[in-house]
């Protein structure tokens, strides 16, 4: 089967799964993209085919534990969509979700774009480009069932399991540093996970710098107004129907979700 036909078939399959809110139970191994770059190209074409308003990007695999689980040596990323954005406190219908995983993340929205250019980006430029930073929870969803994940390139083509994005409070004075901020995740009033910003590549803005460089490598950039979720400080926690989740980001910001 020619590579172009493989890419087209996987694109159509994943776009339909996105539209229908369902999973692909069994993926033909022949449809797995040949490499990472091809997987990302398919993800971009899926976003174009869907025509949904973009929210921005998600970054994942920013800790060694998640990389080991996914079988990757570095971070991964995918497109996100504004239709799946909501404000805390919120309620989500668990029956509509696809093997949902709760991940506590910083949501960084760009006030200035980081366009394509020849010169590498610096951390100082990243800090200057970011406007607000929100406490956030990604409810990650994959179009492939968790008990039978295909090889990583297929997951990348699916947008690295991009799901729903719940925006909590703005984090005040975030420029003073996010690495030292403690994050606690409670489920039904009991603490289940704890981490700090430093758990995400030493500083949660480093994944954003990494993404800007990845897009620059491809001759593209990041645009003003896009929100980038920079990776989970608390890992990937499966969540069930009827549970209530509260994430505390330091003393001044939180995110609340009820899963009905």
Protein backbone atom coordinates (compact mmCIF):
# COMPACT_ATOMS: atom_id res chain seq x y z
CA UNK A 1 0.00 0.00 0.00
CA UNK A 2 1.50 3.36 -1.05
CA UNK A 3 2.43 5.77 1.74
CA UNK A 4 0.16 8.49 0.36
CA UNK A 5 -2.83 6.11 0.43
CA UNK A 6 -1.95 5.01 3.98
CA UNK A 7 -1.82 8.63 5.15
CA UNK A 8 -5.13 9.45 3.49
CA UNK A 9 -6.89 6.43 4.99
CA UNK A 10 -5.63 7.17 8.50
CA UNK A 11 -6.54 10.83 8.13
CA UNK A 12 -10.12 9.99 7.12
CA UNK A 13 -10.42 7.39 9.89
CA UNK A 14 -9.24 9.73 12.67
CA UNK A 15 -11.20 12.73 11.38
CA UNK A 16 -14.39 10.65 11.41
CA UNK A 17 -13.61 9.38 14.92
CA UNK A 18 -13.15 12.99 16.08
CA UNK A 19 -16.42 14.11 14.53
CA UNK A 20 -18.33 11.14 15.97
CA UNK A 21 -16.69 11.18 19.41
CA UNK A 22 -15.66 7.53 19.22
CA UNK A 23 -12.61 5.32 19.32
CA UNK A 24 -10.99 3.13 16.69
CA UNK A 25 -10.99 -0.27 18.34
CA UNK A 26 -8.61 -2.00 15.93
CA UNK A 27 -6.13 -0.12 13.76
CA UNK A 28 -4.70 -1.93 10.77
CA UNK A 29 -0.91 -1.98 11.41
CA UNK A 30 -0.42 -0.98 7.78
CA UNK A 31 -1.99 2.41 8.57
CA UNK A 32 0.57 3.38 11.24
CA UNK A 33 2.59 6.35 9.93
CA UNK A 34 6.11 5.52 8.85
CA UNK A 35 7.74 8.15 11.08
CA UNK A 36 7.11 11.03 13.47
CA UNK A 37 7.16 13.80 10.85
CA UNK A 38 4.56 12.00 8.73
CA UNK A 39 2.40 11.54 11.84
CA UNK A 40 2.46 15.27 12.56
CA UNK A 41 1.62 16.05 8.93
CA UNK A 42 -1.43 13.80 9.18
CA UNK A 43 -2.51 15.55 12.38
CA UNK A 44 -2.27 18.92 10.62
CA UNK A 45 -4.37 17.66 7.72
CA UNK A 46 -6.99 16.28 10.12
CA UNK A 47 -7.29 19.72 11.73
CA UNK A 48 -7.70 21.28 8.28
CA UNK A 49 -10.32 18.71 7.29
CA UNK A 50 -12.34 19.22 10.48
CA UNK A 51 -12.26 23.01 10.07
CA UNK A 52 -12.77 23.56 13.80
CA UNK A 53 -11.54 26.77 15.37
CA UNK A 54 -8.14 26.06 16.92
CA UNK A 55 -7.44 26.62 20.59
CA UNK A 56 -3.72 26.05 20.27
CA UNK A 57 -1.47 23.12 21.13
CA UNK A 58 -0.93 20.48 23.77
CA UNK A 59 2.48 19.21 24.82
CA UNK A 60 2.85 15.82 26.48
CA UNK A 61 5.55 13.37 27.53
CA UNK A 62 7.37 16.08 29.46
CA UNK A 63 8.36 13.70 32.29
CA UNK A 64 10.40 10.52 32.23
CA UNK A 65 7.50 8.46 33.58
CA UNK A 66 5.15 9.45 30.77
CA UNK A 67 7.87 9.03 28.15
CA UNK A 68 8.48 5.50 29.36
CA UNK A 69 4.77 4.71 29.19
CA UNK A 70 4.46 6.05 25.63
CA UNK A 71 7.82 4.78 24.40
CA UNK A 72 9.29 8.12 23.36
CA UNK A 73 12.60 9.82 24.07
CA UNK A 74 11.24 13.36 24.14
CA UNK A 75 8.11 15.52 24.28
CA UNK A 76 5.26 15.18 21.81
CA UNK A 77 2.52 17.59 20.74
CA UNK A 78 -0.81 17.95 18.97
CA UNK A 79 -3.50 20.37 17.85
CA UNK A 80 -6.28 21.45 20.25
CA UNK A 81 -9.72 22.91 19.48
CA UNK A 82 -11.68 25.76 21.02
CA UNK A 83 -14.95 23.80 21.04
CA UNK A 84 -13.45 21.67 23.82
CA UNK A 85 -12.52 24.63 26.01
CA UNK A 86 -14.49 25.34 29.21
CA UNK A 87 -14.20 27.44 32.35
CA UNK A 88 -13.91 26.13 35.89
CA UNK A 89 -16.04 25.16 37.68
CA UNK A 90 -17.59 22.88 35.08
CA UNK A 91 -19.39 19.58 34.64
CA UNK A 92 -18.48 16.99 32.02
CA UNK A 93 -20.57 14.02 30.95
CA UNK A 94 -18.33 11.02 31.54
CA UNK A 95 -20.24 8.88 29.04
CA UNK A 96 -19.17 11.30 26.27
CA UNK A 97 -15.46 10.97 27.10
CA UNK A 98 -12.94 8.51 25.66
CA UNK A 99 -10.93 6.83 28.44
CA UNK A 100 -10.45 10.22 30.12
CA UNK A 101 -7.20 11.05 31.91
CA UNK A 102 -6.91 14.06 34.22
CA UNK A 103 -3.68 16.05 33.86
CA UNK A 104 -2.82 19.23 35.81
CA UNK A 105 -1.05 21.68 33.53
CA UNK A 106 -0.19 25.33 33.04
CA UNK A 107 -2.16 26.89 30.17
CA UNK A 108 0.03 29.59 28.58
CA UNK A 109 -1.68 31.95 26.13
CA UNK A 110 0.50 33.90 23.72
CA UNK A 111 0.09 37.65 23.64
CA UNK A 112 2.65 37.84 20.83
CA UNK A 113 3.22 35.32 18.09
CA UNK A 114 6.41 33.31 17.63
CA UNK A 115 6.56 33.22 13.82
CA UNK A 116 8.80 31.23 11.52
CA UNK A 117 12.36 32.55 11.38
CA UNK A 118 15.93 31.34 10.93
CA UNK A 119 17.21 32.31 14.39
CA UNK A 120 16.45 30.01 17.35
CA UNK A 121 14.09 31.26 20.03
CA UNK A 122 15.35 32.04 23.53
CA UNK A 123 13.69 31.53 26.90
CA UNK A 124 13.60 35.31 27.45
CA UNK A 125 11.62 35.69 24.22
CA UNK A 126 9.21 32.98 25.31
CA UNK A 127 8.56 34.74 28.63
CA UNK A 128 7.95 38.02 26.81
CA UNK A 129 5.52 36.39 24.37
CA UNK A 130 3.29 34.79 27.00
CA UNK A 131 0.35 36.88 28.20
CA UNK A 132 -1.79 35.18 30.89
CA UNK A 133 -1.03 31.83 32.45
CA UNK A 134 -3.97 29.87 33.83
CA UNK A 135 -4.21 26.93 36.15
CA UNK A 136 -5.60 24.19 33.95
CA UNK A 137 -6.69 20.60 33.63
CA UNK A 138 -6.50 18.73 30.38
CA UNK A 139 -8.95 15.86 30.22
CA UNK A 140 -6.93 13.86 27.71
CA UNK A 141 -8.78 11.56 25.31
CA UNK A 142 -7.37 9.19 22.71
CA UNK A 143 -9.17 7.92 19.63
CA UNK A 144 -7.58 4.54 20.41
CA UNK A 145 -8.63 2.54 23.52
CA UNK A 146 -6.18 2.61 26.41
CA UNK A 147 -6.03 -1.19 26.63
CA UNK A 148 -4.81 -1.50 23.06
CA UNK A 149 -2.74 1.51 22.03
CA UNK A 150 -1.06 1.36 18.61
CA UNK A 151 2.56 2.44 18.04
CA UNK A 152 3.39 6.04 18.93
CA UNK A 153 3.19 7.53 15.40
CA UNK A 154 -0.52 6.68 15.25
CA UNK A 155 -1.07 8.46 18.58
CA UNK A 156 0.79 11.51 17.26
CA UNK A 157 -1.45 11.52 14.20
CA UNK A 158 -4.40 11.67 16.62
CA UNK A 159 -2.99 14.85 18.17
CA UNK A 160 -1.19 13.12 21.05
CA UNK A 161 -4.54 12.35 22.68
CA UNK A 162 -5.67 15.97 22.80
CA UNK A 163 -8.98 16.26 24.61
CA UNK A 164 -10.79 18.88 26.69
CA UNK A 165 -9.30 21.92 28.38
CA UNK A 166 -10.71 23.36 31.58
CA UNK A 167 -9.36 26.81 32.44
CA UNK A 168 -9.07 27.69 36.09
CA UNK A 169 -7.91 30.90 37.73
CA UNK A 170 -5.23 33.14 36.29
CA UNK A 171 -1.95 32.67 38.11
CA UNK A 172 -0.83 36.02 39.55
CA UNK A 173 2.76 37.19 39.09
CA UNK A 174 3.65 34.06 37.13
CA UNK A 175 6.75 35.81 35.75
CA UNK A 176 8.38 35.34 39.17
CA UNK A 177 8.67 31.68 38.24
CA UNK A 178 6.39 28.66 37.80
CA UNK A 179 8.96 25.98 38.58
CA UNK A 180 8.53 26.26 42.35
CA UNK A 181 4.71 26.26 42.30
CA UNK A 182 3.19 23.27 44.06
CA UNK A 183 0.21 21.53 42.47
CA UNK A 184 -2.15 19.21 44.37
CA UNK A 185 -4.81 17.07 42.71
CA UNK A 186 -7.78 15.96 44.80
CA UNK A 187 -10.46 13.44 43.81
CA UNK A 188 -13.59 13.37 45.95
CA UNK A 189 -11.80 15.41 48.61
CA UNK A 190 -8.77 13.11 48.88
CA UNK A 191 -5.35 14.06 47.59
CA UNK A 192 -4.31 11.69 44.81
CA UNK A 193 -1.34 13.42 43.18
CA UNK A 194 1.16 16.15 43.99
CA UNK A 195 3.87 17.84 41.93
CA UNK A 196 5.63 21.10 41.15
CA UNK A 197 6.25 23.10 38.02
CA UNK A 198 9.84 21.88 38.03
CA UNK A 199 8.58 18.35 37.34
CA UNK A 200 7.92 19.52 33.76
CA UNK A 201 11.39 19.61 32.19
CA UNK A 202 12.70 21.73 35.08
CA UNK A 203 10.48 24.68 34.17
CA UNK A 204 7.02 24.50 32.55
CA UNK A 205 8.00 27.16 30.00
CA UNK A 206 10.74 24.93 28.59
CA UNK A 207 8.22 22.73 26.77
CA UNK A 208 6.83 25.89 25.15
CA UNK A 209 10.33 26.82 23.99
CA UNK A 210 10.72 23.27 22.67
CA UNK A 211 7.45 23.53 20.72
CA UNK A 212 8.40 26.91 19.26
CA UNK A 213 11.64 25.35 18.04
CA UNK A 214 9.84 22.31 16.60
CA UNK A 215 7.47 24.53 14.66
CA UNK A 216 10.38 26.72 13.52
CA UNK A 217 12.16 23.60 12.25
CA UNK A 218 9.12 22.93 10.07
CA UNK A 219 9.08 26.50 8.76
CA UNK A 220 6.04 27.44 10.85
CA UNK A 221 5.39 29.18 14.16
CA UNK A 222 2.98 29.81 16.99
CA UNK A 223 0.34 32.51 16.75
CA UNK A 224 -0.84 35.23 19.11
CA UNK A 225 -3.95 34.07 20.99
CA UNK A 226 -3.02 30.38 20.91
CA UNK A 227 -3.00 28.54 24.24
CA UNK A 228 -0.34 25.94 24.87
CA UNK A 229 -0.80 23.35 27.63
CA UNK A 230 2.74 22.66 28.74
CA UNK A 231 2.60 19.15 30.21
CA UNK A 232 1.34 17.50 33.37
CA UNK A 233 2.93 17.92 36.80
CA UNK A 234 0.72 15.16 38.20
CA UNK A 235 0.92 12.45 35.55
CA UNK A 236 -2.10 10.86 33.87
CA UNK A 237 -4.89 9.91 36.28
CA UNK A 238 -7.88 7.89 35.01
CA UNK A 239 -11.19 9.28 36.25
CA UNK A 240 -14.59 7.69 36.69
CA UNK A 241 -18.20 8.78 36.46
CA UNK A 242 -19.54 10.54 39.54
CA UNK A 243 -16.16 11.81 40.69
CA UNK A 244 -15.23 15.37 41.56
CA UNK A 245 -11.78 16.71 40.78
CA UNK A 246 -10.15 19.81 42.30
CA UNK A 247 -6.62 20.91 41.41
CA UNK A 248 -4.86 23.49 43.56
CA UNK A 249 -2.06 25.52 41.97
CA UNK A 250 -0.24 27.16 44.87
CA UNK A 251 -2.42 29.14 47.28
CA UNK A 252 -4.22 31.34 44.75
CA UNK A 253 -5.52 29.29 41.79
CA UNK A 254 -7.62 26.17 41.33
CA UNK A 255 -9.61 24.14 38.80
CA UNK A 256 -12.84 22.24 39.58
CA UNK A 257 -14.56 19.56 37.49
CA UNK A 258 -17.52 17.28 38.24
CA UNK A 259 -17.72 14.17 36.07
CA UNK A 260 -21.43 13.32 35.84
